[in-house]
Amino acid sequence: MIIYSKLLLTAFFWGGTFIAGRVVTANAGPFSAAFLRFCIASVFLGLFVWRNNGNLSRLTVKQWVLVVCLGMTGVFAYNFFFFKGLGLIEAGRAAVIIATTPVVIGLFSALLFNERLTGLNSIGILLSISGAMIVISRGKLNIIWQGGLGSGELFIFGCVCSWTLFSLIGKTVMKNLSPLVAIFYASCVGTMALFFPALIEGLLNQVHRYLVVDWWSLFYLGFFGTVIGFVWYYQGIQAIGPTRAGLFINFVPISAVLLSFLILNEPLTTSLLTGTLFVCTGTYLTNRPAA
C-alpha cells in the first residue's frame, strides 16, 4: 500500500512541476531557472547516492560519453525547452503535450530496438497523437496544417524530443549503471553545462529580485519534482514492476490540469479535457506489454 501511495504522490509531484515552472518563469530566464533547479537536485541526488552506495562508480570513457549525452538531453535541453515553453503557454496545455512522451519513446523503441507493438499499442499511439493535436490546436485542427502554431507549443514539443533521446540513451547507460547513479552524473553534467548560459542570461543581476514564491518553486522543482519523484518512481519499479508502475504516469497530466485550474486559474476548456482523455488513454494502451 505504501508503494502505491508513493507512486500516486510521484505523479502529483510531477504534475505540480508545471505549476511551479510557470511561476518561476515570471521572474527567471529559462537557463537560470534550469541551473538553479539542478543545483538543488544535484545536492540531494548526491546525498541519496552516498547513502545508498557509499561511493560513486568509476566510469569508462564510453560511459562518460553516454552520461554527458544524458545530461545534455535530459537536463540541459529538456529544461531549457520546459521553462521557455512555460513562459509562453498555460501549464495544463504544456503538461498534456509532454504526456505524449512515453508514446513517442515506445514508437522509437519499436523502430530502433525492435520492441514489439501490438494492435492496441498502435491504437494508443494514434490516440495520444490525436489528443496532443487537439490540445495544441485548441480544438481547431486546421490550424496545424496552416502553420499557425505558437512558439510555446514548439518549445514544449522540444521537451518531448529531448526526453525521448534521453530515454533511448538511458536504455544503454543503465545496463551497467544504477538509475540513481546515472541520473546523478547526468544532473551534474547538465548543471555545469547550464552555468555559463545562465550567467550570460543575467543570473547574477536578477537572482536578488526573485520572490519567496520563486525560491519555493525552485526547491519544489529540484527536490520534489526531480529527486523524490525519481527515487520513489524507481522504488515502485523495483517493488511492482515497470508495467504497473508506469501506469501511474497517466495521472501526471490529470494532476497538472487540475492544479493549473485550482492554483493558476487556467480555464478547463473542452479541447483541453478531450485531449487529456485521449493522451491518457493512448499512453495506457501504448505501454501495455505485448502478449
C-alpha atoms as a PDB file:
ATOM      1  CA  MET A   1       0.000   0.000   0.000  1.00  0.00           C
ATOM      2  CA  ILE A   2       2.850   2.400   0.805  1.00  0.00           C
ATOM      3  CA  ILE A   3       4.465   1.930  -2.612  1.00  0.00           C
ATOM      4  CA  TYR A   4       1.183   2.737  -4.402  1.00  0.00           C
ATOM      5  CA  SER A   5       0.835   5.885  -2.296  1.00  0.00           C
ATOM      6  CA  LYS A   6       4.372   6.892  -3.261  1.00  0.00           C
ATOM      7  CA  LEU A   7       3.658   6.346  -6.964  1.00  0.00           C
ATOM      8  CA  LEU A   8       0.466   8.368  -6.783  1.00  0.00           C
ATOM      9  CA  LEU A   9       2.301  11.168  -4.978  1.00  0.00           C
ATOM     10  CA  THR A  10       5.060  10.993  -7.596  1.00  0.00           C
ATOM     11  CA  ALA A  11       2.505  11.607 -10.333  1.00  0.00           C
ATOM     12  CA  PHE A  12       1.138  14.501  -8.262  1.00  0.00           C
ATOM     13  CA  PHE A  13       4.639  15.949  -7.750  1.00  0.00           C
ATOM     14  CA  TRP A  14       5.399  15.705 -11.460  1.00  0.00           C
ATOM     15  CA  GLY A  15       2.099  17.349 -12.294  1.00  0.00           C
ATOM     16  CA  GLY A  16       2.985  20.132  -9.871  1.00  0.00           C
ATOM     17  CA  THR A  17       6.263  20.860 -11.695  1.00  0.00           C
ATOM     18  CA  PHE A  18       4.279  22.560 -14.460  1.00  0.00           C
ATOM     19  CA  ILE A  19       2.679  24.945 -11.990  1.00  0.00           C
ATOM     20  CA  ALA A  20       5.999  25.641 -10.237  1.00  0.00           C
ATOM     21  CA  GLY A  21       7.700  26.119 -13.598  1.00  0.00           C
ATOM     22  CA  ARG A  22       5.027  28.547 -14.721  1.00  0.00           C
ATOM     23  CA  VAL A  23       5.519  30.557 -11.507  1.00  0.00           C
ATOM     24  CA  VAL A  24       9.321  30.674 -11.852  1.00  0.00           C
ATOM     25  CA  THR A  25       9.269  31.882 -15.460  1.00  0.00           C
ATOM     26  CA  ALA A  26       7.641  35.131 -14.350  1.00  0.00           C
ATOM     27  CA  ASN A  27      10.983  36.323 -12.915  1.00  0.00           C
ATOM     28  CA  ALA A  28      13.682  33.882 -14.092  1.00  0.00           C
ATOM     29  CA  GLY A  29      15.041  33.153 -17.536  1.00  0.00           C
ATOM     30  CA  PRO A  30      14.958  29.534 -18.784  1.00  0.00           C
ATOM     31  CA  PHE A  31      18.681  28.882 -18.321  1.00  0.00           C
ATOM     32  CA  SER A  32      18.748  30.493 -14.879  1.00  0.00           C
ATOM     33  CA  ALA A  33      15.705  28.538 -13.677  1.00  0.00           C
ATOM     34  CA  ALA A  34      17.108  25.276 -15.036  1.00  0.00           C
ATOM     35  CA  PHE A  35      20.538  25.880 -13.485  1.00  0.00           C
ATOM     36  CA  LEU A  36      19.124  26.637 -10.025  1.00  0.00           C
ATOM     37  CA  ARG A  37      16.702  23.698 -10.207  1.00  0.00           C
ATOM     38  CA  PHE A  38      19.511  21.242 -10.880  1.00  0.00           C
ATOM     39  CA  CYS A  39      21.906  22.795  -8.388  1.00  0.00           C
ATOM     40  CA  ILE A  40      19.325  21.826  -5.785  1.00  0.00           C
ATOM     41  CA  ALA A  41      18.636  18.445  -7.388  1.00  0.00           C
ATOM     42  CA  SER A  42      22.327  17.539  -7.699  1.00  0.00           C
ATOM     43  CA  VAL A  43      22.983  18.159  -3.997  1.00  0.00           C
ATOM     44  CA  PHE A  44      20.134  15.915  -2.873  1.00  0.00           C
ATOM     45  CA  LEU A  45      20.830  13.265  -5.521  1.00  0.00           C
ATOM     46  CA  GLY A  46      24.433  13.166  -4.261  1.00  0.00           C
ATOM     47  CA  LEU A  47      23.185  12.592  -0.715  1.00  0.00           C
ATOM     48  CA  PHE A  48      20.942   9.743  -1.885  1.00  0.00           C
ATOM     49  CA  VAL A  49      23.809   8.149  -3.822  1.00  0.00           C
ATOM     50  CA  TRP A  50      26.134   8.441  -0.810  1.00  0.00           C
ATOM     51  CA  ARG A  51      23.525   6.897   1.492  1.00  0.00           C
ATOM     52  CA  ASN A  52      22.679   4.023  -0.858  1.00  0.00           C
ATOM     53  CA  ASN A  53      26.051   3.321  -2.493  1.00  0.00           C
ATOM     54  CA  GLY A  54      28.644   4.779  -0.175  1.00  0.00           C
ATOM     55  CA  ASN A  55      30.698   5.969  -3.152  1.00  0.00           C
ATOM     56  CA  LEU A  56      30.388   6.662  -6.858  1.00  0.00           C
ATOM     57  CA  SER A  57      31.080   4.119  -9.569  1.00  0.00           C
ATOM     58  CA  ARG A  58      34.105   4.840 -11.742  1.00  0.00           C
ATOM     59  CA  LEU A  59      33.062   5.338 -15.336  1.00  0.00           C
ATOM     60  CA  THR A  60      34.708   4.112 -18.501  1.00  0.00           C
ATOM     61  CA  VAL A  61      35.289   6.523 -21.382  1.00  0.00           C
ATOM     62  CA  LYS A  62      32.220   5.127 -23.179  1.00  0.00           C
ATOM     63  CA  GLN A  63      30.089   5.570 -20.054  1.00  0.00           C
ATOM     64  CA  TRP A  64      31.277   9.164 -19.663  1.00  0.00           C
ATOM     65  CA  VAL A  65      30.295   9.931 -23.265  1.00  0.00           C
ATOM     66  CA  LEU A  66      26.847   8.451 -22.693  1.00  0.00           C
ATOM     67  CA  VAL A  67      26.405  10.231 -19.341  1.00  0.00           C
ATOM     68  CA  VAL A  68      27.317  13.548 -20.977  1.00  0.00           C
ATOM     69  CA  CYS A  69      24.672  12.824 -23.630  1.00  0.00           C
ATOM     70  CA  LEU A  70      22.158  12.125 -20.848  1.00  0.00           C
ATOM     71  CA  GLY A  71      22.984  15.439 -19.172  1.00  0.00           C
ATOM     72  CA  MET A  72      22.757  17.424 -22.387  1.00  0.00           C
ATOM     73  CA  THR A  73      19.430  15.923 -23.454  1.00  0.00           C
ATOM     74  CA  GLY A  74      17.516  15.215 -20.229  1.00  0.00           C
ATOM     75  CA  VAL A  75      18.813  18.152 -18.171  1.00  0.00           C
ATOM     76  CA  PHE A  76      20.191  20.916 -20.413  1.00  0.00           C
ATOM     77  CA  ALA A  77      17.913  20.726 -23.472  1.00  0.00           C
ATOM     78  CA  TYR A  78      14.763  19.457 -21.754  1.00  0.00           C
ATOM     79  CA  ASN A  79      14.790  22.145 -19.072  1.00  0.00           C
ATOM     80  CA  PHE A  80      15.564  24.970 -21.468  1.00  0.00           C
ATOM     81  CA  PHE A  81      12.555  23.948 -23.583  1.00  0.00           C
ATOM     82  CA  PHE A  82      10.477  23.355 -20.420  1.00  0.00           C
ATOM     83  CA  PHE A  83      10.976  26.793 -18.879  1.00  0.00           C
ATOM     84  CA  LYS A  84      10.955  28.620 -22.211  1.00  0.00           C
ATOM     85  CA  GLY A  85       7.691  26.973 -23.200  1.00  0.00           C
ATOM     86  CA  LEU A  86       6.040  27.551 -19.810  1.00  0.00           C
ATOM     87  CA  GLY A  87       6.798  31.230 -20.150  1.00  0.00           C
ATOM     88  CA  LEU A  88       4.596  31.288 -23.248  1.00  0.00           C
ATOM     89  CA  ILE A  89       1.707  28.837 -22.780  1.00  0.00           C
ATOM     90  CA  GLU A  90      -0.507  27.543 -19.973  1.00  0.00           C
ATOM     91  CA  ALA A  91       0.842  24.881 -17.609  1.00  0.00           C
ATOM     92  CA  GLY A  92      -2.051  22.488 -18.260  1.00  0.00           C
ATOM     93  CA  ARG A  93      -1.595  22.577 -22.033  1.00  0.00           C
ATOM     94  CA  ALA A  94       2.144  22.036 -21.664  1.00  0.00           C
ATOM     95  CA  ALA A  95       1.596  19.032 -19.387  1.00  0.00           C
ATOM     96  CA  VAL A  96      -0.720  17.295 -21.841  1.00  0.00           C
ATOM     97  CA  ILE A  97       1.718  17.796 -24.728  1.00  0.00           C
ATOM     98  CA  ILE A  98       4.629  16.413 -22.680  1.00  0.00           C
ATOM     99  CA  ALA A  99       2.428  13.496 -21.594  1.00  0.00           C
ATOM    100  CA  THR A 100       2.794  12.084 -25.117  1.00  0.00           C
ATOM    101  CA  THR A 101       6.487  11.397 -24.405  1.00  0.00           C
ATOM    102  CA  PRO A 102       6.017   7.716 -23.357  1.00  0.00           C
ATOM    103  CA  VAL A 103       4.181   7.157 -26.639  1.00  0.00           C
ATOM    104  CA  VAL A 104       6.995   8.683 -28.699  1.00  0.00           C
ATOM    105  CA  ILE A 105       9.537   6.631 -26.717  1.00  0.00           C
ATOM    106  CA  GLY A 106       7.515   3.472 -27.370  1.00  0.00           C
ATOM    107  CA  LEU A 107       7.348   4.217 -31.081  1.00  0.00           C
ATOM    108  CA  PHE A 108      11.090   4.826 -31.436  1.00  0.00           C
ATOM    109  CA  SER A 109      11.900   1.824 -29.235  1.00  0.00           C
ATOM    110  CA  ALA A 110       9.966  -0.307 -31.704  1.00  0.00           C
ATOM    111  CA  LEU A 111      11.792   1.253 -34.652  1.00  0.00           C
ATOM    112  CA  LEU A 112      15.312   1.231 -33.179  1.00  0.00           C
ATOM    113  CA  PHE A 113      15.298  -1.718 -30.763  1.00  0.00           C
ATOM    114  CA  ASN A 114      12.728  -3.950 -32.500  1.00  0.00           C
ATOM    115  CA  GLU A 115      10.418  -3.869 -29.479  1.00  0.00           C
ATOM    116  CA  ARG A 116       7.089  -5.392 -30.434  1.00  0.00           C
ATOM    117  CA  LEU A 117       3.983  -3.225 -30.871  1.00  0.00           C
ATOM    118  CA  THR A 118       0.568  -4.880 -30.671  1.00  0.00           C
ATOM    119  CA  GLY A 119      -2.593  -3.627 -32.333  1.00  0.00           C
ATOM    120  CA  LEU A 120      -3.662  -1.980 -29.074  1.00  0.00           C
ATOM    121  CA  ASN A 121      -0.244  -0.320 -28.766  1.00  0.00           C
ATOM    122  CA  SER A 122      -0.672   1.145 -32.249  1.00  0.00           C
ATOM    123  CA  ILE A 123      -4.164   2.412 -31.423  1.00  0.00           C
ATOM    124  CA  GLY A 124      -2.690   4.003 -28.305  1.00  0.00           C
ATOM    125  CA  ILE A 125      -0.097   5.862 -30.376  1.00  0.00           C
ATOM    126  CA  LEU A 126      -2.805   7.242 -32.677  1.00  0.00           C
ATOM    127  CA  LEU A 127      -4.986   8.269 -29.725  1.00  0.00           C
ATOM    128  CA  SER A 128      -2.126  10.080 -27.964  1.00  0.00           C
ATOM    129  CA  ILE A 129      -1.015  11.909 -31.082  1.00  0.00           C
ATOM    130  CA  SER A 130      -4.625  12.901 -31.781  1.00  0.00           C
ATOM    131  CA  GLY A 131      -5.031  14.146 -28.212  1.00  0.00           C
ATOM    132  CA  ALA A 132      -1.861  16.226 -28.435  1.00  0.00           C
ATOM    133  CA  MET A 133      -3.018  17.743 -31.723  1.00  0.00           C
ATOM    134  CA  ILE A 134      -6.386  18.663 -30.176  1.00  0.00           C
ATOM    135  CA  VAL A 135      -4.657  20.398 -27.253  1.00  0.00           C
ATOM    136  CA  ILE A 136      -2.012  22.117 -29.377  1.00  0.00           C
ATOM    137  CA  SER A 137      -4.598  23.470 -31.836  1.00  0.00           C
ATOM    138  CA  ARG A 138      -7.166  24.241 -29.092  1.00  0.00           C
ATOM    139  CA  GLY A 139      -9.622  22.015 -30.942  1.00  0.00           C
ATOM    140  CA  LYS A 140      -9.097  23.709 -34.321  1.00  0.00           C
ATOM    141  CA  LEU A 141      -7.059  21.079 -36.153  1.00  0.00           C
ATOM    142  CA  ASN A 142      -6.898  23.084 -39.376  1.00  0.00           C
ATOM    143  CA  ILE A 143      -4.530  25.494 -37.602  1.00  0.00           C
ATOM    144  CA  ILE A 144      -1.839  22.778 -37.554  1.00  0.00           C
ATOM    145  CA  TRP A 145      -1.890  22.389 -41.334  1.00  0.00           C
ATOM    146  CA  GLN A 146      -1.911  26.152 -41.843  1.00  0.00           C
ATOM    147  CA  GLY A 147       1.260  26.646 -39.785  1.00  0.00           C
ATOM    148  CA  GLY A 148      -0.491  28.641 -37.092  1.00  0.00           C
ATOM    149  CA  LEU A 149       1.143  27.006 -34.074  1.00  0.00           C
ATOM    150  CA  GLY A 150       2.740  29.226 -31.463  1.00  0.00           C
ATOM    151  CA  SER A 151       6.370  29.081 -30.381  1.00  0.00           C
ATOM    152  CA  GLY A 152       5.311  27.974 -26.892  1.00  0.00           C
ATOM    153  CA  GLU A 153       3.882  24.718 -28.226  1.00  0.00           C
ATOM    154  CA  LEU A 154       7.005  24.157 -30.316  1.00  0.00           C
ATOM    155  CA  PHE A 155       9.274  24.664 -27.278  1.00  0.00           C
ATOM    156  CA  ILE A 156       7.212  22.170 -25.267  1.00  0.00           C
ATOM    157  CA  PHE A 157       7.421  19.699 -28.124  1.00  0.00           C
ATOM    158  CA  GLY A 158      11.185  20.161 -27.824  1.00  0.00           C
ATOM    159  CA  CYS A 159      10.789  18.668 -24.310  1.00  0.00           C
ATOM    160  CA  VAL A 160       9.225  15.578 -25.872  1.00  0.00           C
ATOM    161  CA  CYS A 161      12.094  15.205 -28.349  1.00  0.00           C
ATOM    162  CA  SER A 162      14.876  15.761 -25.806  1.00  0.00           C
ATOM    163  CA  TRP A 163      13.349  13.388 -23.208  1.00  0.00           C
ATOM    164  CA  THR A 164      12.872  10.740 -25.898  1.00  0.00           C
ATOM    165  CA  LEU A 165      16.582  10.957 -26.723  1.00  0.00           C
ATOM    166  CA  PHE A 166      17.416  10.888 -23.017  1.00  0.00           C
ATOM    167  CA  SER A 167      15.332   7.742 -22.504  1.00  0.00           C
ATOM    168  CA  LEU A 168      16.733   5.914 -25.520  1.00  0.00           C
ATOM    169  CA  ILE A 169      20.321   6.706 -24.466  1.00  0.00           C
ATOM    170  CA  GLY A 170      19.403   5.657 -20.929  1.00  0.00           C
ATOM    171  CA  LYS A 171      18.496   2.159 -22.155  1.00  0.00           C
ATOM    172  CA  THR A 172      22.191   1.670 -22.899  1.00  0.00           C
ATOM    173  CA  VAL A 173      23.635   3.558 -19.925  1.00  0.00           C
ATOM    174  CA  MET A 174      21.531   1.805 -17.295  1.00  0.00           C
ATOM    175  CA  LYS A 175      22.594  -1.652 -18.373  1.00  0.00           C
ATOM    176  CA  ASN A 176      25.797  -1.121 -16.386  1.00  0.00           C
ATOM    177  CA  LEU A 177      24.951   1.772 -14.031  1.00  0.00           C
ATOM    178  CA  SER A 178      22.177   2.027 -11.474  1.00  0.00           C
ATOM    179  CA  PRO A 179      19.497   4.564 -12.472  1.00  0.00           C
ATOM    180  CA  LEU A 180      20.243   6.702  -9.394  1.00  0.00           C
ATOM    181  CA  VAL A 181      23.975   6.953 -10.150  1.00  0.00           C
ATOM    182  CA  ALA A 182      23.356   7.607 -13.852  1.00  0.00           C
ATOM    183  CA  ILE A 183      20.868  10.381 -13.080  1.00  0.00           C
ATOM    184  CA  PHE A 184      23.237  11.939 -10.534  1.00  0.00           C
ATOM    185  CA  TYR A 185      26.055  12.093 -13.076  1.00  0.00           C
ATOM    186  CA  ALA A 186      23.672  13.424 -15.742  1.00  0.00           C
ATOM    187  CA  SER A 187      22.363  16.050 -13.314  1.00  0.00           C
ATOM    188  CA  CYS A 188      25.894  17.256 -12.548  1.00  0.00           C
ATOM    189  CA  VAL A 189      26.831  17.384 -16.242  1.00  0.00           C
ATOM    190  CA  GLY A 190      23.668  19.280 -17.121  1.00  0.00           C
ATOM    191  CA  THR A 191      24.130  21.718 -14.234  1.00  0.00           C
ATOM    192  CA  MET A 192      27.678  22.562 -15.339  1.00  0.00           C
ATOM    193  CA  ALA A 193      26.505  22.988 -18.940  1.00  0.00           C
ATOM    194  CA  LEU A 194      23.761  25.373 -17.800  1.00  0.00           C
ATOM    195  CA  PHE A 195      26.101  27.550 -15.711  1.00  0.00           C
ATOM    196  CA  PHE A 196      27.552  29.818 -18.412  1.00  0.00           C
ATOM    197  CA  PRO A 197      24.283  30.278 -20.362  1.00  0.00           C
ATOM    198  CA  ALA A 198      22.664  31.253 -17.035  1.00  0.00           C
ATOM    199  CA  LEU A 199      25.413  33.828 -16.408  1.00  0.00           C
ATOM    200  CA  ILE A 200      25.029  35.253 -19.896  1.00  0.00           C
ATOM    201  CA  GLU A 201      21.274  35.420 -19.332  1.00  0.00           C
ATOM    202  CA  GLY A 202      21.900  37.656 -16.307  1.00  0.00           C
ATOM    203  CA  LEU A 203      21.530  35.260 -13.376  1.00  0.00           C
ATOM    204  CA  LEU A 204      23.777  37.246 -11.012  1.00  0.00           C
ATOM    205  CA  ASN A 205      21.994  40.516 -11.730  1.00  0.00           C
ATOM    206  CA  GLN A 206      18.494  39.062 -11.430  1.00  0.00           C
ATOM    207  CA  VAL A 207      18.714  36.465  -8.644  1.00  0.00           C
ATOM    208  CA  HIS A 208      18.290  39.027  -5.856  1.00  0.00           C
ATOM    209  CA  ARG A 209      14.958  40.019  -7.379  1.00  0.00           C
ATOM    210  CA  TYR A 210      13.445  36.564  -7.018  1.00  0.00           C
ATOM    211  CA  LEU A 211      10.465  36.404  -4.693  1.00  0.00           C
ATOM    212  CA  VAL A 212       9.970  33.883  -1.886  1.00  0.00           C
ATOM    213  CA  VAL A 213       7.470  32.031  -4.081  1.00  0.00           C
ATOM    214  CA  ASP A 214      10.138  31.742  -6.785  1.00  0.00           C
ATOM    215  CA  TRP A 215      12.591  30.083  -4.372  1.00  0.00           C
ATOM    216  CA  TRP A 216       9.916  27.749  -3.046  1.00  0.00           C
ATOM    217  CA  SER A 217       9.034  26.811  -6.619  1.00  0.00           C
ATOM    218  CA  LEU A 218      12.681  26.133  -7.482  1.00  0.00           C
ATOM    219  CA  PHE A 219      13.061  23.989  -4.365  1.00  0.00           C
ATOM    220  CA  TYR A 220       9.894  22.105  -5.282  1.00  0.00           C
ATOM    221  CA  LEU A 221      11.207  21.524  -8.811  1.00  0.00           C
ATOM    222  CA  GLY A 222      14.621  20.376  -7.618  1.00  0.00           C
ATOM    223  CA  PHE A 223      13.652  18.296  -4.582  1.00  0.00           C
ATOM    224  CA  PHE A 224      10.095  17.020  -5.041  1.00  0.00           C
ATOM    225  CA  GLY A 225       9.822  17.181  -8.821  1.00  0.00           C
ATOM    226  CA  THR A 226      13.268  15.735  -9.534  1.00  0.00           C
ATOM    227  CA  VAL A 227      14.799  13.865  -6.585  1.00  0.00           C
ATOM    228  CA  ILE A 228      11.834  12.484  -4.628  1.00  0.00           C
ATOM    229  CA  GLY A 229       9.840  11.815  -7.786  1.00  0.00           C
ATOM    230  CA  PHE A 230      12.714   9.908  -9.374  1.00  0.00           C
ATOM    231  CA  VAL A 231      13.619   7.881  -6.273  1.00  0.00           C
ATOM    232  CA  TRP A 232      10.015   6.906  -5.479  1.00  0.00           C
ATOM    233  CA  TYR A 233       9.272   6.028  -9.102  1.00  0.00           C
ATOM    234  CA  TYR A 234      12.210   3.624  -9.278  1.00  0.00           C
ATOM    235  CA  GLN A 235      11.276   2.178  -5.908  1.00  0.00           C
ATOM    236  CA  GLY A 236       7.898   1.466  -7.483  1.00  0.00           C
ATOM    237  CA  ILE A 237       9.517  -0.217 -10.468  1.00  0.00           C
ATOM    238  CA  GLN A 238      11.553  -2.437  -8.138  1.00  0.00           C
ATOM    239  CA  ALA A 239       8.503  -3.312  -5.999  1.00  0.00           C
ATOM    240  CA  ILE A 240       5.723  -3.891  -8.549  1.00  0.00           C
ATOM    241  CA  GLY A 241       7.498  -3.886 -11.928  1.00  0.00           C
ATOM    242  CA  PRO A 242       7.809  -1.278 -14.699  1.00  0.00           C
ATOM    243  CA  THR A 243       4.442  -2.013 -16.319  1.00  0.00           C
ATOM    244  CA  ARG A 244       2.274  -1.384 -13.257  1.00  0.00           C
ATOM    245  CA  ALA A 245       4.473   1.452 -12.008  1.00  0.00           C
ATOM    246  CA  GLY A 246       4.342   3.089 -15.429  1.00  0.00           C
ATOM    247  CA  LEU A 247       0.541   3.250 -15.305  1.00  0.00           C
ATOM    248  CA  PHE A 248       0.796   5.976 -12.677  1.00  0.00           C
ATOM    249  CA  ILE A 249       2.330   8.299 -15.304  1.00  0.00           C
ATOM    250  CA  ASN A 250      -1.202   8.649 -16.665  1.00  0.00           C
ATOM    251  CA  PHE A 251      -2.063  10.708 -13.580  1.00  0.00           C
ATOM    252  CA  VAL A 252       0.578  13.354 -14.367  1.00  0.00           C
ATOM    253  CA  PRO A 253      -1.361  15.354 -16.996  1.00  0.00           C
ATOM    254  CA  ILE A 254      -4.573  14.938 -14.991  1.00  0.00           C
ATOM    255  CA  SER A 255      -2.997  16.347 -11.827  1.00  0.00           C
ATOM    256  CA  ALA A 256      -1.291  19.118 -13.818  1.00  0.00           C
ATOM    257  CA  VAL A 257      -4.534  20.201 -15.483  1.00  0.00           C
ATOM    258  CA  LEU A 258      -6.435  20.184 -12.178  1.00  0.00           C
ATOM    259  CA  LEU A 259      -3.677  22.015 -10.290  1.00  0.00           C
ATOM    260  CA  SER A 260      -3.425  24.591 -13.088  1.00  0.00           C
ATOM    261  CA  PHE A 261      -7.153  25.209 -12.744  1.00  0.00           C
ATOM    262  CA  LEU A 262      -7.093  25.402  -8.934  1.00  0.00           C
ATOM    263  CA  ILE A 263      -3.847  27.355  -8.426  1.00  0.00           C
ATOM    264  CA  LEU A 264      -3.315  29.358 -11.613  1.00  0.00           C
ATOM    265  CA  ASN A 265      -6.978  29.781 -12.586  1.00  0.00           C
ATOM    266  CA  GLU A 266      -6.325  28.370 -16.043  1.00  0.00           C
ATOM    267  CA  PRO A 267      -9.557  27.510 -17.894  1.00  0.00           C
ATOM    268  CA  LEU A 268     -10.746  23.905 -18.314  1.00  0.00           C
ATOM    269  CA  THR A 269     -11.656  24.060 -21.991  1.00  0.00           C
ATOM    270  CA  THR A 270     -13.365  21.278 -23.936  1.00  0.00           C
ATOM    271  CA  SER A 271     -10.315  20.810 -26.152  1.00  0.00           C
ATOM    272  CA  LEU A 272      -8.008  20.539 -23.127  1.00  0.00           C
ATOM    273  CA  LEU A 273     -10.178  17.950 -21.363  1.00  0.00           C
ATOM    274  CA  THR A 274     -10.750  15.963 -24.563  1.00  0.00           C
ATOM    275  CA  GLY A 275      -7.046  15.987 -25.394  1.00  0.00           C
ATOM    276  CA  THR A 276      -6.165  14.926 -21.842  1.00  0.00           C
ATOM    277  CA  LEU A 277      -8.537  11.944 -22.087  1.00  0.00           C
ATOM    278  CA  PHE A 278      -7.106  10.907 -25.461  1.00  0.00           C
ATOM    279  CA  VAL A 279      -3.490  11.240 -24.307  1.00  0.00           C
ATOM    280  CA  CYS A 280      -4.009   9.334 -21.043  1.00  0.00           C
ATOM    281  CA  THR A 281      -5.889   6.525 -22.767  1.00  0.00           C
ATOM    282  CA  GLY A 282      -3.328   6.363 -25.549  1.00  0.00           C
ATOM    283  CA  THR A 283      -0.411   6.282 -23.108  1.00  0.00           C
ATOM    284  CA  TYR A 284      -2.023   3.408 -21.226  1.00  0.00           C
ATOM    285  CA  LEU A 285      -2.626   1.393 -24.404  1.00  0.00           C
ATOM    286  CA  THR A 286       0.836   2.128 -25.817  1.00  0.00           C
ATOM    287  CA  ASN A 287       2.575   0.878 -22.686  1.00  0.00           C
ATOM    288  CA  ARG A 288       0.579  -2.326 -22.366  1.00  0.00           C
ATOM    289  CA  PRO A 289       3.039  -5.208 -22.742  1.00  0.00           C
ATOM    290  CA  ALA A 290       2.821  -7.420 -25.789  1.00  0.00           C
ATOM    291  CA  ALA A 291       1.039 -10.690 -25.094  1.00  0.00           C
END
